[in-house]
Amino acid sequence: MSELKEPQVGGEKEKLNKWADTLDQLQSKENGGRGVSCVRTIITVLRQNDLGGARAVCFNEGDKIRSYPEIRQFVVEELFAGAEEHPYSSEERLEKLSDRD
């Protein structure tokens, strides 16, 4: 994990904590209430105010997160909003290519 980051200005820390809260709610409903351990890791890193670290966990654990459509969608739409790449970019490109056929 990357080192603990200082709080960002302009409400960035609050935004990351809000994302962590949302992910916590989403993951706690999965696996019979046991949750999703790799998502709990993302939550921990977000609470450390480290978006880059949280994104790295998403890339490393993307194969597991893929199994949870609500969580996957939240990760792509929120944690990777405005980013050129996200853990499922190549998958989406392949789907678009296969739709052309």
PDB file of N, CA and C in Angstrom:
ATOM      1  N   MET A   1       0.840  -1.182   0.000  1.00  0.00           N
ATOM      2  CA  MET A   1       0.000   0.000   0.000  1.00  0.00           C
ATOM      3  C   MET A   1       0.883   1.243   0.000  1.00  0.00           C
ATOM      4  N   SER A   2       0.341   2.295  -0.519  1.00  0.00           N
ATOM      5  CA  SER A   2       1.088   3.532  -0.486  1.00  0.00           C
ATOM      6  C   SER A   2       0.986   4.139   0.903  1.00  0.00           C
ATOM      7  N   GLU A   3       1.901   5.046   1.185  1.00  0.00           N
ATOM      8  CA  GLU A   3       1.931   5.633   2.512  1.00  0.00           C
ATOM      9  C   GLU A   3       0.719   6.526   2.755  1.00  0.00           C
ATOM     10  N   LEU A   4       0.426   6.742   4.033  1.00  0.00           N
ATOM     11  CA  LEU A   4      -0.714   7.561   4.427  1.00  0.00           C
ATOM     12  C   LEU A   4      -0.558   8.968   3.875  1.00  0.00           C
ATOM     13  N   LYS A   5      -1.604   9.472   3.279  1.00  0.00           N
ATOM     14  CA  LYS A   5      -1.575  10.792   2.656  1.00  0.00           C
ATOM     15  C   LYS A   5      -2.215  11.827   3.575  1.00  0.00           C
ATOM     16  N   GLU A   6      -1.763  13.048   3.461  1.00  0.00           N
ATOM     17  CA  GLU A   6      -2.371  14.149   4.194  1.00  0.00           C
ATOM     18  C   GLU A   6      -3.737  14.461   3.594  1.00  0.00           C
ATOM     19  N   PRO A   7      -4.666  14.956   4.412  1.00  0.00           N
ATOM     20  CA  PRO A   7      -5.985  15.307   3.876  1.00  0.00           C
ATOM     21  C   PRO A   7      -5.886  16.314   2.737  1.00  0.00           C
ATOM     22  N   GLN A   8      -6.684  16.112   1.724  1.00  0.00           N
ATOM     23  CA  GLN A   8      -6.726  16.988   0.566  1.00  0.00           C
ATOM     24  C   GLN A   8      -7.595  18.199   0.874  1.00  0.00           C
ATOM     25  N   VAL A   9      -7.391  19.250   0.130  1.00  0.00           N
ATOM     26  CA  VAL A   9      -8.216  20.435   0.287  1.00  0.00           C
ATOM     27  C   VAL A   9      -9.492  20.299  -0.535  1.00  0.00           C
ATOM     28  N   GLY A  10     -10.470  21.136  -0.249  1.00  0.00           N
ATOM     29  CA  GLY A  10     -11.668  21.197  -1.062  1.00  0.00           C
ATOM     30  C   GLY A  10     -12.611  20.023  -0.901  1.00  0.00           C
ATOM     31  N   GLY A  11     -12.642  19.420   0.247  1.00  0.00           N
ATOM     32  CA  GLY A  11     -13.595  18.353   0.481  1.00  0.00           C
ATOM     33  C   GLY A  11     -13.214  17.003  -0.099  1.00  0.00           C
ATOM     34  N   GLU A  12     -11.995  16.859  -0.583  1.00  0.00           N
ATOM     35  CA  GLU A  12     -11.563  15.581  -1.162  1.00  0.00           C
ATOM     36  C   GLU A  12     -11.644  14.455  -0.129  1.00  0.00           C
ATOM     37  N   LYS A  13     -11.217  14.730   1.081  1.00  0.00           N
ATOM     38  CA  LYS A  13     -11.252  13.700   2.123  1.00  0.00           C
ATOM     39  C   LYS A  13     -12.695  13.274   2.402  1.00  0.00           C
ATOM     40  N   GLU A  14     -13.606  14.239   2.445  1.00  0.00           N
ATOM     41  CA  GLU A  14     -15.012  13.921   2.694  1.00  0.00           C
ATOM     42  C   GLU A  14     -15.587  13.069   1.556  1.00  0.00           C
ATOM     43  N   LYS A  15     -15.194  13.407   0.320  1.00  0.00           N
ATOM     44  CA  LYS A  15     -15.664  12.637  -0.831  1.00  0.00           C
ATOM     45  C   LYS A  15     -15.166  11.194  -0.751  1.00  0.00           C
ATOM     46  N   LEU A  16     -13.896  11.012  -0.418  1.00  0.00           N
ATOM     47  CA  LEU A  16     -13.341   9.664  -0.317  1.00  0.00           C
ATOM     48  C   LEU A  16     -14.018   8.883   0.805  1.00  0.00           C
ATOM     49  N   ASN A  17     -14.306   9.551   1.921  1.00  0.00           N
ATOM     50  CA  ASN A  17     -15.014   8.886   3.018  1.00  0.00           C
ATOM     51  C   ASN A  17     -16.442   8.517   2.625  1.00  0.00           C
ATOM     52  N   LYS A  18     -17.088   9.375   1.844  1.00  0.00           N
ATOM     53  CA  LYS A  18     -18.439   9.073   1.371  1.00  0.00           C
ATOM     54  C   LYS A  18     -18.413   7.853   0.448  1.00  0.00           C
ATOM     55  N   TRP A  19     -17.427   7.804  -0.444  1.00  0.00           N
ATOM     56  CA  TRP A  19     -17.271   6.639  -1.316  1.00  0.00           C
ATOM     57  C   TRP A  19     -17.040   5.384  -0.495  1.00  0.00           C
ATOM     58  N   ALA A  20     -16.194   5.506   0.543  1.00  0.00           N
ATOM     59  CA  ALA A  20     -15.922   4.360   1.417  1.00  0.00           C
ATOM     60  C   ALA A  20     -17.210   3.887   2.089  1.00  0.00           C
ATOM     61  N   ASP A  21     -18.025   4.829   2.556  1.00  0.00           N
ATOM     62  CA  ASP A  21     -19.299   4.473   3.194  1.00  0.00           C
ATOM     63  C   ASP A  21     -20.209   3.739   2.215  1.00  0.00           C
ATOM     64  N   THR A  22     -20.300   4.251   0.989  1.00  0.00           N
ATOM     65  CA  THR A  22     -21.156   3.623  -0.022  1.00  0.00           C
ATOM     66  C   THR A  22     -20.661   2.220  -0.344  1.00  0.00           C
ATOM     67  N   LEU A  23     -19.353   2.075  -0.559  1.00  0.00           N
ATOM     68  CA  LEU A  23     -18.795   0.745  -0.838  1.00  0.00           C
ATOM     69  C   LEU A  23     -19.038  -0.205   0.330  1.00  0.00           C
ATOM     70  N   ASP A  24     -18.946   0.305   1.551  1.00  0.00           N
ATOM     71  CA  ASP A  24     -19.176  -0.528   2.721  1.00  0.00           C
ATOM     72  C   ASP A  24     -20.619  -1.043   2.738  1.00  0.00           C
ATOM     73  N   GLN A  25     -21.551  -0.180   2.410  1.00  0.00           N
ATOM     74  CA  GLN A  25     -22.952  -0.605   2.346  1.00  0.00           C
ATOM     75  C   GLN A  25     -23.150  -1.657   1.249  1.00  0.00           C
ATOM     76  N   LEU A  26     -22.550  -1.412   0.090  1.00  0.00           N
ATOM     77  CA  LEU A  26     -22.703  -2.353  -1.027  1.00  0.00           C
ATOM     78  C   LEU A  26     -22.087  -3.707  -0.704  1.00  0.00           C
ATOM     79  N   GLN A  27     -20.878  -3.710  -0.177  1.00  0.00           N
ATOM     80  CA  GLN A  27     -20.190  -4.975   0.056  1.00  0.00           C
ATOM     81  C   GLN A  27     -20.805  -5.765   1.199  1.00  0.00           C
ATOM     82  N   SER A  28     -21.390  -5.083   2.172  1.00  0.00           N
ATOM     83  CA  SER A  28     -21.933  -5.784   3.346  1.00  0.00           C
ATOM     84  C   SER A  28     -23.151  -6.644   3.001  1.00  0.00           C
ATOM     85  N   LYS A  29     -23.780  -6.379   1.860  1.00  0.00           N
ATOM     86  CA  LYS A  29     -24.949  -7.162   1.433  1.00  0.00           C
ATOM     87  C   LYS A  29     -24.548  -8.451   0.713  1.00  0.00           C
ATOM     88  N   GLU A  30     -23.295  -8.555   0.334  1.00  0.00           N
ATOM     89  CA  GLU A  30     -22.842  -9.686  -0.487  1.00  0.00           C
ATOM     90  C   GLU A  30     -22.416 -10.884   0.366  1.00  0.00           C
ATOM     91  N   ASN A  31     -22.403 -12.033  -0.280  1.00  0.00           N
ATOM     92  CA  ASN A  31     -21.923 -13.275   0.338  1.00  0.00           C
ATOM     93  C   ASN A  31     -22.623 -13.588   1.655  1.00  0.00           C
ATOM     94  N   GLY A  32     -23.937 -13.487   1.630  1.00  0.00           N
ATOM     95  CA  GLY A  32     -24.717 -13.818   2.818  1.00  0.00           C
ATOM     96  C   GLY A  32     -24.432 -12.918   3.999  1.00  0.00           C
ATOM     97  N   GLY A  33     -24.070 -11.667   3.721  1.00  0.00           N
ATOM     98  CA  GLY A  33     -23.779 -10.706   4.786  1.00  0.00           C
ATOM     99  C   GLY A  33     -22.333 -10.714   5.258  1.00  0.00           C
ATOM    100  N   ARG A  34     -21.526 -11.619   4.710  1.00  0.00           N
ATOM    101  CA  ARG A  34     -20.104 -11.672   5.095  1.00  0.00           C
ATOM    102  C   ARG A  34     -19.297 -10.588   4.407  1.00  0.00           C
ATOM    103  N   GLY A  35     -19.802 -10.062   3.310  1.00  0.00           N
ATOM    104  CA  GLY A  35     -19.114  -8.993   2.602  1.00  0.00           C
ATOM    105  C   GLY A  35     -18.056  -9.504   1.651  1.00  0.00           C
ATOM    106  N   VAL A  36     -17.245  -8.552   1.179  1.00  0.00           N
ATOM    107  CA  VAL A  36     -16.227  -8.839   0.167  1.00  0.00           C
ATOM    108  C   VAL A  36     -14.902  -8.280   0.686  1.00  0.00           C
ATOM    109  N   SER A  37     -13.974  -9.160   1.011  1.00  0.00           N
ATOM    110  CA  SER A  37     -12.735  -8.727   1.668  1.00  0.00           C
ATOM    111  C   SER A  37     -11.917  -7.755   0.830  1.00  0.00           C
ATOM    112  N   CYS A  38     -11.836  -7.964  -0.488  1.00  0.00           N
ATOM    113  CA  CYS A  38     -11.027  -7.044  -1.296  1.00  0.00           C
ATOM    114  C   CYS A  38     -11.664  -5.653  -1.348  1.00  0.00           C
ATOM    115  N   VAL A  39     -12.984  -5.581  -1.242  1.00  0.00           N
ATOM    116  CA  VAL A  39     -13.648  -4.278  -1.207  1.00  0.00           C
ATOM    117  C   VAL A  39     -13.397  -3.604   0.143  1.00  0.00           C
ATOM    118  N   ARG A  40     -13.327  -4.392   1.202  1.00  0.00           N
ATOM    119  CA  ARG A  40     -12.973  -3.811   2.510  1.00  0.00           C
ATOM    120  C   ARG A  40     -11.568  -3.207   2.472  1.00  0.00           C
ATOM    121  N   THR A  41     -10.678  -3.813   1.688  1.00  0.00           N
ATOM    122  CA  THR A  41      -9.335  -3.235   1.530  1.00  0.00           C
ATOM    123  C   THR A  41      -9.425  -1.879   0.831  1.00  0.00           C
ATOM    124  N   ILE A  42     -10.241  -1.782  -0.215  1.00  0.00           N
ATOM    125  CA  ILE A  42     -10.438  -0.505  -0.915  1.00  0.00           C
ATOM    126  C   ILE A  42     -10.983   0.532   0.054  1.00  0.00           C
ATOM    127  N   ILE A  43     -11.935   0.136   0.872  1.00  0.00           N
ATOM    128  CA  ILE A  43     -12.536   1.042   1.861  1.00  0.00           C
ATOM    129  C   ILE A  43     -11.473   1.572   2.809  1.00  0.00           C
ATOM    130  N   THR A  44     -10.626   0.684   3.308  1.00  0.00           N
ATOM    131  CA  THR A  44      -9.557   1.084   4.227  1.00  0.00           C
ATOM    132  C   THR A  44      -8.633   2.107   3.575  1.00  0.00           C
ATOM    133  N   VAL A  45      -8.253   1.868   2.337  1.00  0.00           N
ATOM    134  CA  VAL A  45      -7.338   2.766   1.631  1.00  0.00           C
ATOM    135  C   VAL A  45      -8.018   4.109   1.355  1.00  0.00           C
ATOM    136  N   LEU A  46      -9.290   4.098   0.997  1.00  0.00           N
ATOM    137  CA  LEU A  46     -10.021   5.360   0.801  1.00  0.00           C
ATOM    138  C   LEU A  46     -10.066   6.160   2.097  1.00  0.00           C
ATOM    139  N   ARG A  47     -10.280   5.485   3.215  1.00  0.00           N
ATOM    140  CA  ARG A  47     -10.331   6.177   4.513  1.00  0.00           C
ATOM    141  C   ARG A  47      -8.961   6.732   4.910  1.00  0.00           C
ATOM    142  N   GLN A  48      -7.905   6.212   4.283  1.00  0.00           N
ATOM    143  CA  GLN A  48      -6.560   6.760   4.481  1.00  0.00           C
ATOM    144  C   GLN A  48      -6.297   7.920   3.536  1.00  0.00           C
ATOM    145  N   ASN A  49      -7.336   8.305   2.799  1.00  0.00           N
ATOM    146  CA  ASN A  49      -7.265   9.447   1.883  1.00  0.00           C
ATOM    147  C   ASN A  49      -6.287   9.195   0.738  1.00  0.00           C
ATOM    148  N   ASP A  50      -6.316   7.989   0.198  1.00  0.00           N
ATOM    149  CA  ASP A  50      -5.373   7.592  -0.849  1.00  0.00           C
ATOM    150  C   ASP A  50      -6.128   7.027  -2.049  1.00  0.00           C
ATOM    151  N   LEU A  51      -6.625   7.912  -2.913  1.00  0.00           N
ATOM    152  CA  LEU A  51      -7.372   7.473  -4.089  1.00  0.00           C
ATOM    153  C   LEU A  51      -6.500   6.639  -5.015  1.00  0.00           C
ATOM    154  N   GLY A  52      -5.254   7.044  -5.202  1.00  0.00           N
ATOM    155  CA  GLY A  52      -4.345   6.275  -6.059  1.00  0.00           C
ATOM    156  C   GLY A  52      -4.152   4.854  -5.556  1.00  0.00           C
ATOM    157  N   GLY A  53      -4.005   4.707  -4.266  1.00  0.00           N
ATOM    158  CA  GLY A  53      -3.858   3.383  -3.674  1.00  0.00           C
ATOM    159  C   GLY A  53      -5.124   2.556  -3.824  1.00  0.00           C
ATOM    160  N   ALA A  54      -6.279   3.203  -3.645  1.00  0.00           N
ATOM    161  CA  ALA A  54      -7.556   2.508  -3.810  1.00  0.00           C
ATOM    162  C   ALA A  54      -7.728   2.046  -5.253  1.00  0.00           C
ATOM    163  N   ARG A  55      -7.338   2.905  -6.195  1.00  0.00           N
ATOM    164  CA  ARG A  55      -7.415   2.515  -7.604  1.00  0.00           C
ATOM    165  C   ARG A  55      -6.491   1.340  -7.896  1.00  0.00           C
ATOM    166  N   ALA A  56      -5.310   1.336  -7.287  1.00  0.00           N
ATOM    167  CA  ALA A  56      -4.374   0.223  -7.489  1.00  0.00           C
ATOM    168  C   ALA A  56      -4.984  -1.082  -6.988  1.00  0.00           C
ATOM    169  N   VAL A  57      -5.646  -1.036  -5.836  1.00  0.00           N
ATOM    170  CA  VAL A  57      -6.315  -2.238  -5.318  1.00  0.00           C
ATOM    171  C   VAL A  57      -7.399  -2.686  -6.298  1.00  0.00           C
ATOM    172  N   CYS A  58      -8.130  -1.732  -6.860  1.00  0.00           N
ATOM    173  CA  CYS A  58      -9.174  -2.073  -7.835  1.00  0.00           C
ATOM    174  C   CYS A  58      -8.579  -2.796  -9.042  1.00  0.00           C
ATOM    175  N   PHE A  59      -7.441  -2.317  -9.534  1.00  0.00           N
ATOM    176  CA  PHE A  59      -6.796  -2.989 -10.661  1.00  0.00           C
ATOM    177  C   PHE A  59      -6.344  -4.393 -10.266  1.00  0.00           C
ATOM    178  N   ASN A  60      -5.760  -4.519  -9.078  1.00  0.00           N
ATOM    179  CA  ASN A  60      -5.261  -5.822  -8.640  1.00  0.00           C
ATOM    180  C   ASN A  60      -6.375  -6.812  -8.348  1.00  0.00           C
ATOM    181  N   GLU A  61      -7.504  -6.332  -7.882  1.00  0.00           N
ATOM    182  CA  GLU A  61      -8.606  -7.202  -7.474  1.00  0.00           C
ATOM    183  C   GLU A  61      -9.788  -7.148  -8.441  1.00  0.00           C
ATOM    184  N   GLY A  62      -9.572  -6.585  -9.625  1.00  0.00           N
ATOM    185  CA  GLY A  62     -10.654  -6.407 -10.589  1.00  0.00           C
ATOM    186  C   GLY A  62     -11.381  -7.684 -10.945  1.00  0.00           C
ATOM    187  N   ASP A  63     -10.661  -8.805 -10.987  1.00  0.00           N
ATOM    188  CA  ASP A  63     -11.304 -10.074 -11.330  1.00  0.00           C
ATOM    189  C   ASP A  63     -12.321 -10.489 -10.270  1.00  0.00           C
ATOM    190  N   LYS A  64     -12.047 -10.163  -9.013  1.00  0.00           N
ATOM    191  CA  LYS A  64     -12.989 -10.491  -7.942  1.00  0.00           C
ATOM    192  C   LYS A  64     -14.154  -9.502  -7.920  1.00  0.00           C
ATOM    193  N   ILE A  65     -13.846  -8.220  -8.086  1.00  0.00           N
ATOM    194  CA  ILE A  65     -14.874  -7.181  -8.058  1.00  0.00           C
ATOM    195  C   ILE A  65     -15.874  -7.384  -9.190  1.00  0.00           C
ATOM    196  N   ARG A  66     -15.412  -7.897 -10.318  1.00  0.00           N
ATOM    197  CA  ARG A  66     -16.264  -8.144 -11.485  1.00  0.00           C
ATOM    198  C   ARG A  66     -17.482  -9.003 -11.118  1.00  0.00           C
ATOM    199  N   SER A  67     -17.349  -9.835 -10.111  1.00  0.00           N
ATOM    200  CA  SER A  67     -18.435 -10.730  -9.699  1.00  0.00           C
ATOM    201  C   SER A  67     -19.583 -10.005  -9.001  1.00  0.00           C
ATOM    202  N   TYR A  68     -19.391  -8.735  -8.697  1.00  0.00           N
ATOM    203  CA  TYR A  68     -20.384  -7.951  -7.967  1.00  0.00           C
ATOM    204  C   TYR A  68     -20.760  -6.729  -8.804  1.00  0.00           C
ATOM    205  N   PRO A  69     -21.766  -6.859  -9.677  1.00  0.00           N
ATOM    206  CA  PRO A  69     -22.088  -5.804 -10.646  1.00  0.00           C
ATOM    207  C   PRO A  69     -22.318  -4.414 -10.045  1.00  0.00           C
ATOM    208  N   GLU A  70     -23.001  -4.340  -8.903  1.00  0.00           N
ATOM    209  CA  GLU A  70     -23.253  -3.031  -8.286  1.00  0.00           C
ATOM    210  C   GLU A  70     -21.952  -2.366  -7.842  1.00  0.00           C
ATOM    211  N   ILE A  71     -21.082  -3.154  -7.260  1.00  0.00           N
ATOM    212  CA  ILE A  71     -19.796  -2.638  -6.789  1.00  0.00           C
ATOM    213  C   ILE A  71     -18.931  -2.262  -7.986  1.00  0.00           C
ATOM    214  N   ARG A  72     -18.905  -3.121  -8.993  1.00  0.00           N
ATOM    215  CA  ARG A  72     -18.132  -2.841 -10.210  1.00  0.00           C
ATOM    216  C   ARG A  72     -18.570  -1.518 -10.826  1.00  0.00           C
ATOM    217  N   GLN A  73     -19.870  -1.322 -10.949  1.00  0.00           N
ATOM    218  CA  GLN A  73     -20.392  -0.087 -11.541  1.00  0.00           C
ATOM    219  C   GLN A  73     -19.995   1.126 -10.712  1.00  0.00           C
ATOM    220  N   PHE A  74     -20.090   1.022  -9.392  1.00  0.00           N
ATOM    221  CA  PHE A  74     -19.714   2.141  -8.528  1.00  0.00           C
ATOM    222  C   PHE A  74     -18.232   2.474  -8.687  1.00  0.00           C
ATOM    223  N   VAL A  75     -17.400   1.441  -8.710  1.00  0.00           N
ATOM    224  CA  VAL A  75     -15.956   1.646  -8.866  1.00  0.00           C
ATOM    225  C   VAL A  75     -15.660   2.395 -10.160  1.00  0.00           C
ATOM    226  N   VAL A  76     -16.256   1.954 -11.254  1.00  0.00           N
ATOM    227  CA  VAL A  76     -15.997   2.574 -12.552  1.00  0.00           C
ATOM    228  C   VAL A  76     -16.525   4.010 -12.584  1.00  0.00           C
ATOM    229  N   GLU A  77     -17.754   4.208 -12.134  1.00  0.00           N
ATOM    230  CA  GLU A  77     -18.394   5.516 -12.254  1.00  0.00           C
ATOM    231  C   GLU A  77     -17.892   6.549 -11.251  1.00  0.00           C
ATOM    232  N   GLU A  78     -17.448   6.113 -10.094  1.00  0.00           N
ATOM    233  CA  GLU A  78     -17.017   7.067  -9.067  1.00  0.00           C
ATOM    234  C   GLU A  78     -15.493   7.100  -8.902  1.00  0.00           C
ATOM    235  N   LEU A  79     -14.903   5.981  -8.556  1.00  0.00           N
ATOM    236  CA  LEU A  79     -13.468   5.971  -8.282  1.00  0.00           C
ATOM    237  C   LEU A  79     -12.630   6.248  -9.529  1.00  0.00           C
ATOM    238  N   PHE A  80     -13.174   5.901 -10.704  1.00  0.00           N
ATOM    239  CA  PHE A  80     -12.428   6.111 -11.940  1.00  0.00           C
ATOM    240  C   PHE A  80     -13.074   7.159 -12.849  1.00  0.00           C
ATOM    241  N   ALA A  81     -13.966   7.966 -12.304  1.00  0.00           N
ATOM    242  CA  ALA A  81     -14.604   9.030 -13.096  1.00  0.00           C
ATOM    243  C   ALA A  81     -13.525   9.956 -13.656  1.00  0.00           C
ATOM    244  N   GLY A  82     -13.562  10.158 -14.954  1.00  0.00           N
ATOM    245  CA  GLY A  82     -12.600  11.038 -15.600  1.00  0.00           C
ATOM    246  C   GLY A  82     -11.245  10.405 -15.901  1.00  0.00           C
ATOM    247  N   ALA A  83     -11.026   9.190 -15.441  1.00  0.00           N
ATOM    248  CA  ALA A  83      -9.752   8.510 -15.710  1.00  0.00           C
ATOM    249  C   ALA A  83      -9.793   7.884 -17.099  1.00  0.00           C
ATOM    250  N   GLU A  84      -8.646   7.852 -17.759  1.00  0.00           N
ATOM    251  CA  GLU A  84      -8.577   7.254 -19.090  1.00  0.00           C
ATOM    252  C   GLU A  84      -8.792   5.749 -19.052  1.00  0.00           C
ATOM    253  N   GLU A  85      -8.305   5.105 -18.021  1.00  0.00           N
ATOM    254  CA  GLU A  85      -8.394   3.649 -17.907  1.00  0.00           C
ATOM    255  C   GLU A  85      -8.989   3.274 -16.551  1.00  0.00           C
ATOM    256  N   HIS A  86      -9.665   2.145 -16.535  1.00  0.00           N
ATOM    257  CA  HIS A  86     -10.145   1.553 -15.295  1.00  0.00           C
ATOM    258  C   HIS A  86      -9.970   0.045 -15.431  1.00  0.00           C
ATOM    259  N   PRO A  87     -10.210  -0.706 -14.376  1.00  0.00           N
ATOM    260  CA  PRO A  87      -9.925  -2.141 -14.434  1.00  0.00           C
ATOM    261  C   PRO A  87     -10.648  -2.914 -15.546  1.00  0.00           C
ATOM    262  N   TYR A  88     -11.697  -2.348 -16.106  1.00  0.00           N
ATOM    263  CA  TYR A  88     -12.487  -3.068 -17.099  1.00  0.00           C
ATOM    264  C   TYR A  88     -12.444  -2.415 -18.475  1.00  0.00           C
ATOM    265  N   SER A  89     -11.517  -1.494 -18.685  1.00  0.00           N
ATOM    266  CA  SER A  89     -11.406  -0.785 -19.960  1.00  0.00           C
ATOM    267  C   SER A  89     -11.194  -1.738 -21.125  1.00  0.00           C
ATOM    268  N   SER A  90     -10.268  -2.655 -20.983  1.00  0.00           N
ATOM    269  CA  SER A  90      -9.985  -3.567 -22.097  1.00  0.00           C
ATOM    270  C   SER A  90     -11.179  -4.481 -22.360  1.00  0.00           C
ATOM    271  N   GLU A  91     -11.845  -4.910 -21.321  1.00  0.00           N
ATOM    272  CA  GLU A  91     -13.042  -5.739 -21.465  1.00  0.00           C
ATOM    273  C   GLU A  91     -14.121  -4.987 -22.246  1.00  0.00           C
ATOM    274  N   GLU A  92     -14.324  -3.717 -21.918  1.00  0.00           N
ATOM    275  CA  GLU A  92     -15.327  -2.909 -22.611  1.00  0.00           C
ATOM    276  C   GLU A  92     -14.952  -2.670 -24.069  1.00  0.00           C
ATOM    277  N   ARG A  93     -13.652  -2.458 -24.335  1.00  0.00           N
ATOM    278  CA  ARG A  93     -13.205  -2.292 -25.724  1.00  0.00           C
ATOM    279  C   ARG A  93     -13.472  -3.552 -26.536  1.00  0.00           C
ATOM    280  N   LEU A  94     -13.212  -4.706 -25.946  1.00  0.00           N
ATOM    281  CA  LEU A  94     -13.464  -5.974 -26.644  1.00  0.00           C
ATOM    282  C   LEU A  94     -14.954  -6.174 -26.915  1.00  0.00           C
ATOM    283  N   GLU A  95     -15.795  -5.795 -25.962  1.00  0.00           N
ATOM    284  CA  GLU A  95     -17.242  -5.905 -26.173  1.00  0.00           C
ATOM    285  C   GLU A  95     -17.684  -5.016 -27.344  1.00  0.00           C
ATOM    286  N   LYS A  96     -17.139  -3.801 -27.425  1.00  0.00           N
ATOM    287  CA  LYS A  96     -17.498  -2.887 -28.512  1.00  0.00           C
ATOM    288  C   LYS A  96     -17.059  -3.465 -29.862  1.00  0.00           C
ATOM    289  N   LEU A  97     -15.875  -4.070 -29.894  1.00  0.00           N
ATOM    290  CA  LEU A  97     -15.396  -4.672 -31.138  1.00  0.00           C
ATOM    291  C   LEU A  97     -16.266  -5.841 -31.554  1.00  0.00           C
ATOM    292  N   SER A  98     -16.681  -6.647 -30.608  1.00  0.00           N
ATOM    293  CA  SER A  98     -17.508  -7.809 -30.952  1.00  0.00           C
ATOM    294  C   SER A  98     -18.914  -7.390 -31.360  1.00  0.00           C
ATOM    295  N   ASP A  99     -19.380  -6.225 -30.884  1.00  0.00           N
ATOM    296  CA  ASP A  99     -20.684  -5.704 -31.290  1.00  0.00           C
ATOM    297  C   ASP A  99     -20.685  -5.256 -32.747  1.00  0.00           C
ATOM    298  N   ARG A 100     -19.522  -4.924 -33.273  1.00  0.00           N
ATOM    299  CA  ARG A 100     -19.411  -4.484 -34.668  1.00  0.00           C
ATOM    300  C   ARG A 100     -19.642  -5.622 -35.648  1.00  0.00           C
ATOM    301  N   ASP A 101     -19.350  -6.833 -35.193  1.00  0.00           N
ATOM    302  CA  ASP A 101     -19.447  -7.999 -36.101  1.00  0.00           C
ATOM    303  C   ASP A 101     -20.866  -8.348 -36.442  1.00  0.00           C
TER     304      ASP A 101
END
